[in-house]
Amino acid sequence: MASGMNECIFCKIIRGDIPAAFALQNPEFVAFPDINPKAPVHLLVMPRAHIRSLNDVAAQDDGFGQRLLAFVASVAAAAGVDKDGYRVIVNNGPDGGQEVDHLHIHVLAGRMLGDLI
């Protein structure tokens, strides 16, 4: 078991210890609504495995990153926002705004998001 996994809020959600309505899931990844949404659609996408950050993706198997991004696109399609567009954000590390040490990707959509970056 990875260090920190027992206390990780996202691991608890993935295990079912904390209820969440999964928008989409497969054996490797899950997506569920952010509890503090910044857009009409704000989903969090993450691996089921406790992977701390984007920095740790290279240590996974060769197809991991591609499968993760393909799942993000599937989440957008399942939410019905793939045609009008959506924003994908990964906060990485403390200075990048990562608040939970479990790799997660924000998918935001449902309105014109403007020029944030």
N, C-alpha and C. Protein backbone atom coordinates (compact mmCIF):
# COMPACT_ATOMS: atom_id res chain seq x y z
N MET A 1 0.85 -1.19 0.00
CA MET A 1 0.00 0.00 0.00
C MET A 1 0.89 1.24 0.00
N ALA A 2 0.57 2.17 -0.87
CA ALA A 2 1.38 3.38 -1.00
C ALA A 2 1.27 4.23 0.26
N SER A 3 2.33 4.90 0.60
CA SER A 3 2.35 5.77 1.76
C SER A 3 1.31 6.88 1.60
N GLY A 4 0.56 7.13 2.66
CA GLY A 4 -0.42 8.19 2.62
C GLY A 4 -1.78 7.75 2.10
N MET A 5 -1.86 6.55 1.55
CA MET A 5 -3.09 6.09 0.94
C MET A 5 -4.24 6.00 1.94
N ASN A 6 -3.96 5.55 3.17
CA ASN A 6 -5.03 5.38 4.16
C ASN A 6 -5.69 6.70 4.53
N GLU A 7 -4.93 7.79 4.53
CA GLU A 7 -5.46 9.08 4.94
C GLU A 7 -5.89 9.95 3.77
N CYS A 8 -5.59 9.56 2.57
CA CYS A 8 -5.90 10.36 1.39
C CYS A 8 -7.42 10.43 1.17
N ILE A 9 -7.94 11.64 1.11
CA ILE A 9 -9.39 11.83 0.92
C ILE A 9 -9.86 11.21 -0.38
N PHE A 10 -9.06 11.32 -1.44
CA PHE A 10 -9.47 10.75 -2.72
C PHE A 10 -9.44 9.23 -2.68
N CYS A 11 -8.47 8.64 -1.99
CA CYS A 11 -8.45 7.18 -1.84
C CYS A 11 -9.69 6.71 -1.07
N LYS A 12 -10.09 7.48 -0.07
CA LYS A 12 -11.29 7.13 0.70
C LYS A 12 -12.53 7.18 -0.19
N ILE A 13 -12.62 8.16 -1.07
CA ILE A 13 -13.75 8.25 -2.00
C ILE A 13 -13.71 7.07 -2.97
N ILE A 14 -12.55 6.78 -3.51
CA ILE A 14 -12.40 5.69 -4.48
C ILE A 14 -12.77 4.36 -3.84
N ARG A 15 -12.37 4.14 -2.57
CA ARG A 15 -12.69 2.89 -1.86
C ARG A 15 -14.15 2.82 -1.46
N GLY A 16 -14.86 3.95 -1.47
CA GLY A 16 -16.26 3.95 -1.05
C GLY A 16 -16.45 4.29 0.41
N ASP A 17 -15.37 4.66 1.12
CA ASP A 17 -15.47 5.05 2.52
C ASP A 17 -16.22 6.38 2.66
N ILE A 18 -16.10 7.23 1.65
CA ILE A 18 -16.81 8.50 1.58
C ILE A 18 -17.66 8.44 0.32
N PRO A 19 -18.97 8.67 0.43
CA PRO A 19 -19.82 8.55 -0.77
C PRO A 19 -19.55 9.63 -1.80
N ALA A 20 -19.62 9.22 -3.05
CA ALA A 20 -19.50 10.14 -4.18
C ALA A 20 -20.27 9.53 -5.34
N ALA A 21 -20.85 10.40 -6.15
CA ALA A 21 -21.56 9.95 -7.35
C ALA A 21 -20.57 9.96 -8.51
N PHE A 22 -20.08 8.80 -8.88
CA PHE A 22 -19.11 8.73 -9.97
C PHE A 22 -19.79 9.08 -11.29
N ALA A 23 -19.22 10.04 -11.99
CA ALA A 23 -19.73 10.42 -13.31
C ALA A 23 -19.31 9.39 -14.34
N LEU A 24 -18.15 8.80 -14.14
CA LEU A 24 -17.64 7.76 -15.03
C LEU A 24 -16.53 7.05 -14.27
N GLN A 25 -16.40 5.76 -14.53
CA GLN A 25 -15.32 5.00 -13.90
C GLN A 25 -14.99 3.79 -14.75
N ASN A 26 -13.77 3.33 -14.59
CA ASN A 26 -13.35 2.08 -15.20
C ASN A 26 -12.38 1.43 -14.20
N PRO A 27 -11.80 0.31 -14.51
CA PRO A 27 -10.93 -0.33 -13.52
C PRO A 27 -9.71 0.50 -13.11
N GLU A 28 -9.33 1.49 -13.92
CA GLU A 28 -8.11 2.24 -13.64
C GLU A 28 -8.35 3.68 -13.17
N PHE A 29 -9.46 4.30 -13.60
CA PHE A 29 -9.70 5.72 -13.34
C PHE A 29 -11.13 5.96 -12.87
N VAL A 30 -11.33 7.08 -12.19
CA VAL A 30 -12.67 7.51 -11.76
C VAL A 30 -12.83 9.00 -12.03
N ALA A 31 -14.08 9.43 -12.11
CA ALA A 31 -14.41 10.85 -12.22
C ALA A 31 -15.64 11.12 -11.36
N PHE A 32 -15.59 12.20 -10.62
CA PHE A 32 -16.73 12.59 -9.80
C PHE A 32 -16.76 14.12 -9.65
N PRO A 33 -17.91 14.68 -9.29
CA PRO A 33 -18.02 16.14 -9.19
C PRO A 33 -17.15 16.71 -8.07
N ASP A 34 -16.58 17.88 -8.34
CA ASP A 34 -15.84 18.63 -7.32
C ASP A 34 -16.85 19.16 -6.30
N ILE A 35 -16.50 19.10 -5.02
CA ILE A 35 -17.45 19.58 -4.00
C ILE A 35 -17.52 21.10 -3.94
N ASN A 36 -16.56 21.77 -4.58
CA ASN A 36 -16.56 23.23 -4.62
C ASN A 36 -16.40 23.67 -6.09
N PRO A 37 -17.46 23.47 -6.89
CA PRO A 37 -17.33 23.69 -8.34
C PRO A 37 -17.03 25.14 -8.71
N LYS A 38 -16.17 25.28 -9.71
CA LYS A 38 -15.80 26.59 -10.25
C LYS A 38 -16.47 26.86 -11.60
N ALA A 39 -17.29 25.92 -12.06
CA ALA A 39 -18.02 26.05 -13.33
C ALA A 39 -19.25 25.15 -13.23
N PRO A 40 -20.24 25.33 -14.12
CA PRO A 40 -21.42 24.48 -14.08
C PRO A 40 -21.09 22.98 -14.13
N VAL A 41 -20.08 22.62 -14.89
CA VAL A 41 -19.55 21.26 -14.88
C VAL A 41 -18.13 21.36 -14.33
N HIS A 42 -17.87 20.67 -13.22
CA HIS A 42 -16.53 20.65 -12.63
C HIS A 42 -16.33 19.25 -12.07
N LEU A 43 -15.63 18.44 -12.83
CA LEU A 43 -15.37 17.06 -12.44
C LEU A 43 -13.90 16.86 -12.12
N LEU A 44 -13.63 15.96 -11.21
CA LEU A 44 -12.27 15.57 -10.89
C LEU A 44 -12.03 14.18 -11.47
N VAL A 45 -10.95 14.04 -12.20
CA VAL A 45 -10.58 12.76 -12.82
C VAL A 45 -9.27 12.33 -12.18
N MET A 46 -9.20 11.05 -11.79
CA MET A 46 -7.97 10.58 -11.14
C MET A 46 -7.80 9.09 -11.29
N PRO A 47 -6.57 8.63 -11.13
CA PRO A 47 -6.34 7.19 -11.11
C PRO A 47 -6.84 6.60 -9.80
N ARG A 48 -7.28 5.36 -9.85
CA ARG A 48 -7.65 4.66 -8.62
C ARG A 48 -6.41 4.45 -7.75
N ALA A 49 -5.27 4.19 -8.38
CA ALA A 49 -4.02 4.01 -7.64
C ALA A 49 -3.58 5.33 -7.03
N HIS A 50 -2.99 5.25 -5.86
CA HIS A 50 -2.52 6.47 -5.19
C HIS A 50 -1.21 6.92 -5.83
N ILE A 51 -1.33 7.77 -6.82
CA ILE A 51 -0.19 8.38 -7.49
C ILE A 51 -0.19 9.84 -7.06
N ARG A 52 0.89 10.28 -6.45
CA ARG A 52 0.90 11.58 -5.78
C ARG A 52 0.71 12.78 -6.69
N SER A 53 1.40 12.81 -7.83
CA SER A 53 1.32 14.01 -8.65
C SER A 53 1.69 13.69 -10.09
N LEU A 54 1.60 14.71 -10.92
CA LEU A 54 1.98 14.59 -12.32
C LEU A 54 3.44 14.17 -12.44
N ASN A 55 4.25 14.54 -11.48
CA ASN A 55 5.67 14.17 -11.49
C ASN A 55 5.88 12.67 -11.47
N ASP A 56 4.89 11.91 -10.99
CA ASP A 56 5.01 10.47 -10.85
C ASP A 56 4.44 9.69 -12.03
N VAL A 57 3.92 10.37 -13.02
CA VAL A 57 3.34 9.69 -14.18
C VAL A 57 4.40 8.92 -14.96
N ALA A 58 5.59 9.47 -15.11
CA ALA A 58 6.65 8.80 -15.88
C ALA A 58 7.05 7.46 -15.27
N ALA A 59 6.84 7.28 -13.98
CA ALA A 59 7.18 6.03 -13.31
C ALA A 59 6.14 4.94 -13.53
N GLN A 60 5.00 5.29 -14.14
CA GLN A 60 3.95 4.30 -14.41
C GLN A 60 4.26 3.56 -15.72
N ASP A 61 3.43 2.61 -16.07
CA ASP A 61 3.67 1.87 -17.32
C ASP A 61 3.54 2.80 -18.52
N ASP A 62 4.08 2.36 -19.65
CA ASP A 62 4.22 3.21 -20.84
C ASP A 62 2.92 3.83 -21.34
N GLY A 63 1.80 3.17 -21.21
CA GLY A 63 0.56 3.71 -21.75
C GLY A 63 -0.29 4.49 -20.76
N PHE A 64 0.20 4.64 -19.53
CA PHE A 64 -0.60 5.24 -18.47
C PHE A 64 -1.10 6.65 -18.84
N GLY A 65 -0.18 7.53 -19.23
CA GLY A 65 -0.55 8.90 -19.53
C GLY A 65 -1.56 8.99 -20.66
N GLN A 66 -1.38 8.19 -21.69
CA GLN A 66 -2.32 8.18 -22.81
C GLN A 66 -3.69 7.69 -22.36
N ARG A 67 -3.72 6.65 -21.54
CA ARG A 67 -5.01 6.14 -21.04
C ARG A 67 -5.70 7.17 -20.16
N LEU A 68 -4.92 7.88 -19.35
CA LEU A 68 -5.49 8.92 -18.48
C LEU A 68 -6.11 10.04 -19.30
N LEU A 69 -5.40 10.52 -20.30
CA LEU A 69 -5.95 11.59 -21.14
C LEU A 69 -7.14 11.12 -21.96
N ALA A 70 -7.12 9.89 -22.42
CA ALA A 70 -8.27 9.34 -23.15
C ALA A 70 -9.49 9.25 -22.22
N PHE A 71 -9.25 8.91 -20.96
CA PHE A 71 -10.35 8.85 -19.99
C PHE A 71 -10.91 10.25 -19.73
N VAL A 72 -10.04 11.25 -19.64
CA VAL A 72 -10.49 12.64 -19.48
C VAL A 72 -11.43 13.01 -20.63
N ALA A 73 -11.05 12.68 -21.86
CA ALA A 73 -11.90 12.98 -23.02
C ALA A 73 -13.21 12.22 -22.94
N SER A 74 -13.19 10.98 -22.45
CA SER A 74 -14.42 10.20 -22.28
C SER A 74 -15.33 10.81 -21.22
N VAL A 75 -14.73 11.35 -20.17
CA VAL A 75 -15.51 12.03 -19.12
C VAL A 75 -16.21 13.25 -19.70
N ALA A 76 -15.50 14.03 -20.49
CA ALA A 76 -16.10 15.21 -21.12
C ALA A 76 -17.25 14.80 -22.04
N ALA A 77 -17.06 13.74 -22.80
CA ALA A 77 -18.12 13.26 -23.69
C ALA A 77 -19.32 12.78 -22.88
N ALA A 78 -19.08 12.03 -21.80
CA ALA A 78 -20.17 11.53 -20.95
C ALA A 78 -20.94 12.68 -20.30
N ALA A 79 -20.23 13.78 -20.00
CA ALA A 79 -20.88 14.96 -19.39
C ALA A 79 -21.56 15.83 -20.44
N GLY A 80 -21.36 15.50 -21.71
CA GLY A 80 -22.01 16.26 -22.79
C GLY A 80 -21.36 17.59 -23.10
N VAL A 81 -20.09 17.74 -22.74
CA VAL A 81 -19.43 19.03 -22.96
C VAL A 81 -18.31 18.94 -24.00
N ASP A 82 -18.15 17.79 -24.61
CA ASP A 82 -17.04 17.61 -25.55
C ASP A 82 -17.20 18.45 -26.81
N LYS A 83 -18.41 18.73 -27.23
CA LYS A 83 -18.61 19.50 -28.47
C LYS A 83 -18.41 21.00 -28.26
N ASP A 84 -18.95 21.54 -27.15
CA ASP A 84 -18.83 22.98 -26.90
C ASP A 84 -17.48 23.36 -26.30
N GLY A 85 -16.80 22.41 -25.70
CA GLY A 85 -15.47 22.66 -25.17
C GLY A 85 -15.41 22.58 -23.66
N TYR A 86 -14.21 22.35 -23.18
CA TYR A 86 -13.96 22.21 -21.75
C TYR A 86 -12.50 22.55 -21.47
N ARG A 87 -12.23 22.85 -20.22
CA ARG A 87 -10.88 23.17 -19.79
C ARG A 87 -10.38 22.04 -18.91
N VAL A 88 -9.10 21.70 -19.07
CA VAL A 88 -8.44 20.66 -18.29
C VAL A 88 -7.30 21.31 -17.52
N ILE A 89 -7.31 21.14 -16.20
CA ILE A 89 -6.29 21.76 -15.35
C ILE A 89 -5.70 20.71 -14.42
N VAL A 90 -4.37 20.71 -14.33
CA VAL A 90 -3.67 19.88 -13.35
C VAL A 90 -2.85 20.82 -12.47
N ASN A 91 -3.18 20.87 -11.20
CA ASN A 91 -2.37 21.62 -10.23
C ASN A 91 -1.32 20.65 -9.71
N ASN A 92 -0.06 21.05 -9.76
CA ASN A 92 1.01 20.13 -9.39
C ASN A 92 1.91 20.75 -8.34
N GLY A 93 1.95 20.15 -7.17
CA GLY A 93 2.80 20.61 -6.08
C GLY A 93 2.22 21.82 -5.36
N PRO A 94 2.79 22.17 -4.22
CA PRO A 94 2.27 23.27 -3.41
C PRO A 94 2.19 24.60 -4.14
N ASP A 95 3.24 24.97 -4.87
CA ASP A 95 3.22 26.25 -5.57
C ASP A 95 2.26 26.23 -6.76
N GLY A 96 1.94 25.05 -7.25
CA GLY A 96 0.99 24.91 -8.35
C GLY A 96 -0.45 24.84 -7.88
N GLY A 97 -0.67 24.84 -6.57
CA GLY A 97 -2.01 24.83 -6.03
C GLY A 97 -2.59 23.46 -5.77
N GLN A 98 -1.77 22.40 -5.80
CA GLN A 98 -2.27 21.05 -5.52
C GLN A 98 -2.57 20.94 -4.04
N GLU A 99 -3.84 20.71 -3.70
CA GLU A 99 -4.26 20.65 -2.30
C GLU A 99 -4.33 19.24 -1.76
N VAL A 100 -4.50 18.25 -2.64
CA VAL A 100 -4.55 16.84 -2.23
C VAL A 100 -3.43 16.11 -2.97
N ASP A 101 -2.61 15.39 -2.21
CA ASP A 101 -1.47 14.67 -2.81
C ASP A 101 -1.93 13.35 -3.43
N HIS A 102 -2.82 13.46 -4.40
CA HIS A 102 -3.28 12.35 -5.23
C HIS A 102 -3.54 12.98 -6.58
N LEU A 103 -2.82 12.53 -7.59
CA LEU A 103 -2.97 13.12 -8.92
C LEU A 103 -4.44 13.23 -9.30
N HIS A 104 -4.86 14.43 -9.67
CA HIS A 104 -6.23 14.63 -10.14
C HIS A 104 -6.24 15.74 -11.18
N ILE A 105 -7.17 15.60 -12.09
CA ILE A 105 -7.32 16.53 -13.20
C ILE A 105 -8.69 17.16 -13.10
N HIS A 106 -8.74 18.47 -13.15
CA HIS A 106 -10.00 19.20 -13.14
C HIS A 106 -10.52 19.32 -14.57
N VAL A 107 -11.78 18.99 -14.77
CA VAL A 107 -12.45 19.18 -16.06
C VAL A 107 -13.56 20.19 -15.80
N LEU A 108 -13.44 21.38 -16.41
CA LEU A 108 -14.40 22.45 -16.19
C LEU A 108 -15.08 22.79 -17.51
N ALA A 109 -16.40 23.04 -17.45
CA ALA A 109 -17.15 23.34 -18.66
C ALA A 109 -18.54 23.86 -18.27
N GLY A 110 -19.34 24.07 -19.30
CA GLY A 110 -20.72 24.45 -19.09
C GLY A 110 -21.01 25.93 -19.29
N ARG A 111 -19.98 26.70 -19.52
CA ARG A 111 -20.12 28.13 -19.84
C ARG A 111 -18.82 28.60 -20.45
N MET A 112 -18.83 29.80 -21.01
CA MET A 112 -17.60 30.39 -21.53
C MET A 112 -16.68 30.63 -20.33
N LEU A 113 -15.50 30.06 -20.35
CA LEU A 113 -14.61 30.14 -19.19
C LEU A 113 -13.68 31.34 -19.22
N GLY A 114 -13.55 31.98 -20.36
CA GLY A 114 -12.75 33.20 -20.43
C GLY A 114 -11.26 32.95 -20.44
N ASP A 115 -10.51 34.03 -20.35
CA ASP A 115 -9.05 33.99 -20.45
C ASP A 115 -8.42 33.91 -19.07
N LEU A 116 -8.39 32.74 -18.49
CA LEU A 116 -7.73 32.59 -17.20
C LEU A 116 -6.23 32.43 -17.37
N ILE A 117 -5.83 31.82 -18.49
CA ILE A 117 -4.41 31.64 -18.76
C ILE A 117 -4.11 31.94 -20.20
